[in-house]
N, C-alpha and C. Protein backbone atom coordinates (compact mmCIF):
# COMPACT_ATOMS: atom_id res chain seq x y z
N UNK A 1 113.74 83.32 85.73
CA UNK A 1 114.66 83.93 86.67
C UNK A 1 114.40 83.39 88.07
N UNK A 2 115.44 83.01 88.77
CA UNK A 2 115.35 82.57 90.16
C UNK A 2 115.59 83.79 91.04
N UNK A 3 114.68 84.02 91.99
CA UNK A 3 114.77 85.18 92.87
C UNK A 3 114.56 84.72 94.29
N UNK A 4 115.62 84.74 95.07
CA UNK A 4 115.55 84.38 96.49
C UNK A 4 116.21 85.49 97.30
N UNK A 5 115.41 86.51 97.59
CA UNK A 5 115.98 87.67 98.27
C UNK A 5 115.30 88.01 99.59
N UNK A 6 114.13 87.44 99.86
CA UNK A 6 113.40 87.86 101.05
C UNK A 6 114.11 87.41 102.33
N UNK A 7 114.05 88.29 103.32
CA UNK A 7 114.63 88.04 104.64
C UNK A 7 113.47 88.02 105.64
N UNK A 8 113.44 87.00 106.51
CA UNK A 8 112.39 86.89 107.53
C UNK A 8 112.94 87.35 108.87
N UNK A 9 112.30 88.38 109.43
CA UNK A 9 112.74 88.95 110.70
C UNK A 9 111.64 88.81 111.74
N UNK A 10 112.05 88.42 112.95
CA UNK A 10 111.16 88.39 114.10
C UNK A 10 111.76 89.35 115.13
N UNK A 11 111.00 90.35 115.52
CA UNK A 11 111.47 91.31 116.51
C UNK A 11 110.86 90.95 117.85
N UNK A 12 111.72 90.78 118.86
CA UNK A 12 111.26 90.46 120.21
C UNK A 12 111.75 91.51 121.18
N UNK A 13 110.95 91.75 122.21
CA UNK A 13 111.38 92.60 123.30
C UNK A 13 112.28 91.80 124.23
N UNK A 14 112.92 92.47 125.18
CA UNK A 14 113.80 91.77 126.11
C UNK A 14 113.04 90.76 126.97
N UNK A 15 111.71 90.91 127.05
CA UNK A 15 110.87 89.98 127.80
C UNK A 15 110.40 88.80 126.94
N UNK A 16 110.79 88.77 125.67
CA UNK A 16 110.43 87.67 124.77
C UNK A 16 109.15 87.90 123.98
N UNK A 17 108.44 89.01 124.25
CA UNK A 17 107.22 89.31 123.50
C UNK A 17 107.55 89.63 122.04
N UNK A 18 106.71 89.16 121.13
CA UNK A 18 106.89 89.44 119.72
C UNK A 18 106.39 90.86 119.45
N UNK A 19 107.30 91.74 119.07
CA UNK A 19 106.97 93.15 118.89
C UNK A 19 106.19 93.43 117.60
N UNK A 20 106.01 92.42 116.76
CA UNK A 20 105.21 92.57 115.54
C UNK A 20 103.74 92.23 115.80
N UNK A 21 103.45 91.76 117.01
CA UNK A 21 102.09 91.43 117.41
C UNK A 21 101.44 92.70 117.97
N UNK A 22 100.30 93.07 117.43
CA UNK A 22 99.62 94.30 117.83
C UNK A 22 99.23 94.33 119.30
N UNK A 23 99.25 93.18 119.95
CA UNK A 23 98.86 93.10 121.37
C UNK A 23 100.00 93.47 122.32
N UNK A 24 101.19 93.74 121.80
CA UNK A 24 102.33 94.09 122.66
C UNK A 24 102.52 95.61 122.70
N UNK A 25 103.20 96.06 123.76
CA UNK A 25 103.54 97.48 123.80
C UNK A 25 104.76 97.68 122.88
N UNK A 26 104.96 98.89 122.42
CA UNK A 26 106.04 99.21 121.47
C UNK A 26 105.93 98.41 120.18
N UNK A 27 104.70 98.14 119.74
CA UNK A 27 104.48 97.34 118.55
C UNK A 27 105.14 97.97 117.33
N UNK A 28 105.78 97.12 116.54
CA UNK A 28 106.37 97.53 115.26
C UNK A 28 105.32 97.21 114.19
N UNK A 29 104.90 98.23 113.46
CA UNK A 29 103.86 98.08 112.44
C UNK A 29 104.37 98.60 111.09
N UNK A 30 103.62 98.34 110.04
CA UNK A 30 104.01 98.89 108.74
C UNK A 30 103.97 100.43 108.76
N UNK A 31 102.91 101.05 109.30
CA UNK A 31 102.89 102.52 109.30
C UNK A 31 104.04 103.18 110.09
N UNK A 32 104.53 102.53 111.16
CA UNK A 32 105.59 103.17 111.95
C UNK A 32 106.99 102.67 111.61
N UNK A 33 107.12 102.00 110.46
CA UNK A 33 108.42 101.46 110.04
C UNK A 33 108.76 101.95 108.63
N UNK A 34 110.02 102.31 108.45
CA UNK A 34 110.51 102.72 107.13
C UNK A 34 111.84 102.05 106.85
N UNK A 35 112.07 101.78 105.57
CA UNK A 35 113.35 101.27 105.10
C UNK A 35 114.04 102.35 104.30
N UNK A 36 115.37 102.32 104.38
CA UNK A 36 116.20 103.23 103.61
C UNK A 36 117.29 102.39 102.95
N UNK A 37 117.53 102.65 101.69
CA UNK A 37 118.61 101.98 100.99
C UNK A 37 119.80 102.91 100.94
N UNK A 38 120.98 102.34 101.12
CA UNK A 38 122.21 103.11 100.95
C UNK A 38 122.70 102.86 99.54
N UNK A 39 122.82 103.91 98.77
CA UNK A 39 123.30 103.80 97.41
C UNK A 39 124.30 104.92 97.16
N UNK A 40 125.53 104.54 96.85
CA UNK A 40 126.62 105.51 96.67
C UNK A 40 126.75 106.44 97.88
N UNK A 41 126.60 105.86 99.07
CA UNK A 41 126.75 106.61 100.31
C UNK A 41 125.56 107.49 100.66
N UNK A 42 124.52 107.45 99.85
CA UNK A 42 123.34 108.27 100.07
C UNK A 42 122.19 107.43 100.61
N UNK A 43 121.53 107.94 101.65
CA UNK A 43 120.40 107.26 102.28
C UNK A 43 119.12 107.67 101.57
N UNK A 44 118.37 106.66 101.03
CA UNK A 44 117.14 106.95 100.30
C UNK A 44 115.97 106.20 100.93
N UNK A 45 114.94 106.96 101.34
CA UNK A 45 113.74 106.35 101.91
C UNK A 45 113.01 105.60 100.80
N UNK A 46 112.53 104.40 101.12
CA UNK A 46 111.90 103.55 100.12
C UNK A 46 110.38 103.64 100.18
N UNK A 47 109.81 103.97 99.06
CA UNK A 47 108.36 103.88 98.86
C UNK A 47 108.11 103.79 97.36
N UNK A 48 107.70 102.63 96.92
CA UNK A 48 107.41 102.38 95.51
C UNK A 48 105.92 102.12 95.36
N UNK A 49 105.16 103.15 95.06
CA UNK A 49 103.70 103.07 95.04
C UNK A 49 103.16 102.01 94.08
N UNK A 50 103.90 101.69 93.04
CA UNK A 50 103.41 100.72 92.07
C UNK A 50 103.75 99.27 92.42
N UNK A 51 104.39 99.02 93.56
CA UNK A 51 104.73 97.67 94.00
C UNK A 51 103.64 97.10 94.92
N UNK A 52 103.57 95.78 95.00
CA UNK A 52 102.65 95.15 95.94
C UNK A 52 102.95 95.56 97.38
N UNK A 53 104.24 95.68 97.69
CA UNK A 53 104.68 96.10 99.03
C UNK A 53 105.52 97.36 98.85
N UNK A 54 104.88 98.53 98.85
CA UNK A 54 105.57 99.79 98.52
C UNK A 54 106.76 100.12 99.43
N UNK A 55 106.72 99.65 100.68
CA UNK A 55 107.83 99.93 101.59
C UNK A 55 108.87 98.81 101.57
N UNK A 56 108.71 97.85 100.66
CA UNK A 56 109.63 96.73 100.48
C UNK A 56 109.64 95.75 101.65
N UNK A 57 108.53 95.69 102.40
CA UNK A 57 108.36 94.68 103.44
C UNK A 57 106.88 94.54 103.72
N UNK A 58 106.54 93.44 104.39
CA UNK A 58 105.20 93.28 104.92
C UNK A 58 105.29 92.45 106.19
N UNK A 59 104.26 92.52 107.00
CA UNK A 59 104.20 91.78 108.26
C UNK A 59 103.11 90.72 108.12
N UNK A 60 103.45 89.50 108.51
CA UNK A 60 102.53 88.38 108.35
C UNK A 60 102.52 87.50 109.60
N UNK A 61 101.47 86.71 109.70
CA UNK A 61 101.36 85.73 110.78
C UNK A 61 101.11 84.35 110.18
N UNK A 62 101.45 84.17 108.91
CA UNK A 62 101.12 82.92 108.21
C UNK A 62 101.84 81.71 108.77
N UNK A 63 102.99 81.89 109.40
CA UNK A 63 103.72 80.75 109.98
C UNK A 63 103.28 80.47 111.42
N UNK A 64 102.34 81.28 111.94
CA UNK A 64 101.91 81.12 113.32
C UNK A 64 102.67 82.04 114.26
N UNK A 65 103.67 82.72 113.75
CA UNK A 65 104.43 83.68 114.54
C UNK A 65 104.58 84.96 113.71
N UNK A 66 104.27 86.09 114.28
CA UNK A 66 104.36 87.35 113.55
C UNK A 66 105.81 87.58 113.09
N UNK A 67 105.96 87.84 111.80
CA UNK A 67 107.30 88.11 111.27
C UNK A 67 107.21 89.13 110.15
N UNK A 68 108.32 89.81 109.93
CA UNK A 68 108.44 90.78 108.86
C UNK A 68 109.17 90.10 107.70
N UNK A 69 108.59 90.19 106.51
CA UNK A 69 109.23 89.71 105.30
C UNK A 69 109.78 90.95 104.62
N UNK A 70 111.09 91.04 104.52
CA UNK A 70 111.76 92.23 104.02
C UNK A 70 112.50 91.90 102.73
N UNK A 71 112.41 92.80 101.77
CA UNK A 71 113.11 92.65 100.50
C UNK A 71 114.26 93.65 100.49
N UNK A 72 115.50 93.17 100.70
CA UNK A 72 116.64 94.07 100.85
C UNK A 72 117.04 94.73 99.54
N UNK A 73 117.85 95.74 99.70
CA UNK A 73 118.41 96.47 98.56
C UNK A 73 119.37 95.56 97.80
N UNK A 74 119.25 95.54 96.49
CA UNK A 74 120.14 94.78 95.61
C UNK A 74 120.59 95.73 94.51
N UNK A 75 121.90 95.82 94.29
CA UNK A 75 122.41 96.65 93.21
C UNK A 75 123.05 95.77 92.15
N UNK A 76 122.77 96.06 90.90
CA UNK A 76 123.24 95.23 89.79
C UNK A 76 124.75 95.10 89.71
N UNK A 77 125.47 96.13 90.05
CA UNK A 77 126.92 96.13 89.85
C UNK A 77 127.72 95.83 91.11
N UNK A 78 127.06 95.31 92.16
CA UNK A 78 127.75 95.01 93.41
C UNK A 78 127.35 93.63 93.90
N UNK A 79 128.08 93.13 94.91
CA UNK A 79 127.71 91.85 95.51
C UNK A 79 127.31 91.99 96.97
N UNK A 80 127.32 93.20 97.50
CA UNK A 80 126.79 93.47 98.84
C UNK A 80 125.99 94.77 98.79
N UNK A 81 125.04 94.89 99.71
CA UNK A 81 124.25 96.12 99.81
C UNK A 81 123.72 96.24 101.23
N UNK A 82 123.35 97.47 101.60
CA UNK A 82 122.84 97.73 102.95
C UNK A 82 121.44 98.33 102.88
N UNK A 83 120.61 97.88 103.82
CA UNK A 83 119.27 98.41 104.01
C UNK A 83 119.19 98.87 105.46
N UNK A 84 118.74 100.09 105.67
CA UNK A 84 118.56 100.61 107.03
C UNK A 84 117.10 100.44 107.42
N UNK A 85 116.88 100.04 108.66
CA UNK A 85 115.53 99.76 109.15
C UNK A 85 115.24 100.67 110.34
N UNK A 86 114.23 101.51 110.19
CA UNK A 86 113.75 102.34 111.31
C UNK A 86 112.41 101.77 111.71
N UNK A 87 112.41 100.91 112.73
CA UNK A 87 111.23 100.18 113.16
C UNK A 87 110.65 100.80 114.43
N UNK A 88 109.44 101.32 114.34
CA UNK A 88 108.77 101.88 115.50
C UNK A 88 109.60 102.97 116.16
N UNK A 89 109.65 102.94 117.49
CA UNK A 89 110.42 103.91 118.26
C UNK A 89 111.83 103.43 118.57
N UNK A 90 112.28 102.41 117.89
CA UNK A 90 113.59 101.83 118.15
C UNK A 90 114.66 102.50 117.29
N UNK A 91 115.92 102.44 117.73
CA UNK A 91 117.01 103.03 116.95
C UNK A 91 117.15 102.37 115.57
N UNK A 92 117.76 103.09 114.66
CA UNK A 92 118.02 102.63 113.30
C UNK A 92 118.94 101.41 113.30
N UNK A 93 118.57 100.38 112.55
CA UNK A 93 119.37 99.16 112.42
C UNK A 93 119.90 99.05 111.00
N UNK A 94 120.97 98.28 110.83
CA UNK A 94 121.56 98.06 109.52
C UNK A 94 121.53 96.59 109.16
N UNK A 95 120.97 96.31 107.99
CA UNK A 95 120.93 94.96 107.44
C UNK A 95 121.86 94.97 106.23
N UNK A 96 122.88 94.12 106.25
CA UNK A 96 123.80 94.00 105.12
C UNK A 96 123.59 92.63 104.50
N UNK A 97 123.47 92.59 103.17
CA UNK A 97 123.32 91.32 102.48
C UNK A 97 124.44 91.14 101.47
N UNK A 98 124.82 89.88 101.31
CA UNK A 98 125.75 89.48 100.26
C UNK A 98 124.95 88.58 99.34
N UNK A 99 125.08 88.78 98.03
CA UNK A 99 124.21 88.08 97.10
C UNK A 99 124.89 87.80 95.78
N UNK A 100 124.29 86.86 95.08
CA UNK A 100 124.69 86.56 93.71
C UNK A 100 123.69 87.27 92.81
N UNK A 101 124.21 87.97 91.83
CA UNK A 101 123.34 88.67 90.90
C UNK A 101 123.85 88.42 89.49
N UNK A 102 123.08 87.64 88.74
CA UNK A 102 123.47 87.34 87.37
C UNK A 102 122.24 87.47 86.48
N UNK A 103 122.37 87.11 85.24
CA UNK A 103 121.26 87.22 84.29
C UNK A 103 120.05 86.39 84.73
N UNK A 104 120.30 85.22 85.33
CA UNK A 104 119.21 84.30 85.67
C UNK A 104 118.93 84.15 87.16
N UNK A 105 119.79 84.70 88.02
CA UNK A 105 119.66 84.46 89.46
C UNK A 105 119.92 85.74 90.24
N UNK A 106 119.06 85.98 91.22
CA UNK A 106 119.33 86.96 92.27
C UNK A 106 119.07 86.21 93.56
N UNK A 107 120.11 85.96 94.33
CA UNK A 107 119.96 85.15 95.54
C UNK A 107 120.84 85.69 96.66
N UNK A 108 120.22 85.98 97.78
CA UNK A 108 120.95 86.39 98.98
C UNK A 108 121.51 85.13 99.64
N UNK A 109 122.79 85.17 100.02
CA UNK A 109 123.34 84.00 100.70
C UNK A 109 124.03 84.31 102.02
N UNK A 110 124.17 85.57 102.39
CA UNK A 110 124.66 85.94 103.73
C UNK A 110 123.94 87.20 104.18
N UNK A 111 123.62 87.25 105.48
CA UNK A 111 122.94 88.42 106.04
C UNK A 111 123.60 88.78 107.36
N UNK A 112 123.93 90.06 107.52
CA UNK A 112 124.43 90.61 108.78
C UNK A 112 123.39 91.57 109.31
N UNK A 113 123.15 91.53 110.62
CA UNK A 113 122.23 92.46 111.25
C UNK A 113 123.05 93.24 112.29
N UNK A 114 123.15 94.54 112.10
CA UNK A 114 123.98 95.41 112.95
C UNK A 114 125.39 94.84 113.11
N UNK A 115 125.96 94.38 112.00
CA UNK A 115 127.34 93.92 111.98
C UNK A 115 127.55 92.47 112.37
N UNK A 116 126.52 91.78 112.85
CA UNK A 116 126.67 90.39 113.28
C UNK A 116 126.11 89.45 112.21
N UNK A 117 126.94 88.50 111.77
CA UNK A 117 126.49 87.53 110.77
C UNK A 117 125.37 86.70 111.37
N UNK A 118 124.19 86.74 110.72
CA UNK A 118 123.00 86.05 111.25
C UNK A 118 122.55 84.90 110.38
N UNK A 119 122.83 84.97 109.09
CA UNK A 119 122.35 83.95 108.17
C UNK A 119 123.39 83.72 107.10
N UNK A 120 123.71 82.44 106.87
CA UNK A 120 124.74 82.08 105.90
C UNK A 120 124.37 80.73 105.29
N UNK A 121 124.08 80.72 104.01
CA UNK A 121 123.66 79.48 103.36
C UNK A 121 124.76 78.43 103.39
N UNK A 122 126.02 78.85 103.41
CA UNK A 122 127.12 77.89 103.43
C UNK A 122 127.24 77.19 104.78
N UNK A 123 126.63 77.75 105.83
CA UNK A 123 126.69 77.14 107.17
C UNK A 123 125.35 76.54 107.58
N UNK A 124 124.35 76.68 106.71
CA UNK A 124 123.04 76.09 107.00
C UNK A 124 122.27 76.76 108.12
N UNK A 125 122.56 78.02 108.42
CA UNK A 125 121.83 78.72 109.48
C UNK A 125 120.40 79.02 109.03
N UNK A 126 119.51 79.18 109.99
CA UNK A 126 118.10 79.41 109.74
C UNK A 126 117.88 80.72 108.99
N UNK A 127 116.98 80.70 108.03
CA UNK A 127 116.67 81.90 107.24
C UNK A 127 115.92 82.96 108.05
N UNK A 128 115.29 82.55 109.15
CA UNK A 128 114.61 83.51 110.02
C UNK A 128 115.63 84.10 111.00
N UNK A 129 115.56 85.39 111.14
CA UNK A 129 116.47 86.09 112.05
C UNK A 129 115.65 86.68 113.19
N UNK A 130 116.01 86.35 114.41
CA UNK A 130 115.35 86.91 115.59
C UNK A 130 116.20 88.07 116.08
N UNK A 131 115.56 89.24 116.20
CA UNK A 131 116.23 90.45 116.65
C UNK A 131 115.62 90.86 117.98
N UNK A 132 116.45 91.01 119.01
CA UNK A 132 115.96 91.45 120.32
C UNK A 132 116.12 92.96 120.44
N UNK A 133 115.03 93.61 120.73
CA UNK A 133 115.01 95.07 120.90
C UNK A 133 114.83 95.33 122.39
N UNK A 134 115.84 95.95 123.00
CA UNK A 134 115.77 96.10 124.45
C UNK A 134 115.31 97.47 124.92
N UNK A 135 115.41 98.47 124.07
CA UNK A 135 114.94 99.79 124.52
C UNK A 135 114.46 100.57 123.31
N UNK A 136 113.50 101.44 123.56
CA UNK A 136 113.03 102.29 122.48
C UNK A 136 113.49 103.72 122.74
N UNK A 137 113.32 104.53 121.74
CA UNK A 137 113.68 105.93 121.88
C UNK A 137 112.52 106.78 121.41
N UNK A 138 112.44 107.98 121.86
CA UNK A 138 111.40 108.88 121.38
C UNK A 138 111.99 109.79 120.33
N UNK A 139 111.25 109.99 119.27
CA UNK A 139 111.73 110.86 118.18
C UNK A 139 111.24 112.27 118.38
């Protein structure tokens, strides 16, 4: 089975600081971030204790730049799905993916972030998505 579903996100502040780096203020971390899948109009918080990444994402610095590797929601009977991201003290964001799902392939080929097309395999855009966060909110 071919599986190409991971999305690479880099969160930056309006000053250009990488918000996934623990040395920045308003740091986005695994403990202060949650994903929610929308399924049949219902918002479901994601935590799969038996998975390697129970929250369906992890934060890494393997490329030399802190980034979040996110595994979006995929539904067998659809070709698009939405994942909601509550990162740190920032407002809720929406990630929409369009994908091919067949017996042998699950592959994301378009990604929208808050309604803006950010990644499209047919246009050769970069698989890494940079998201600028300009203000936080208190919960």
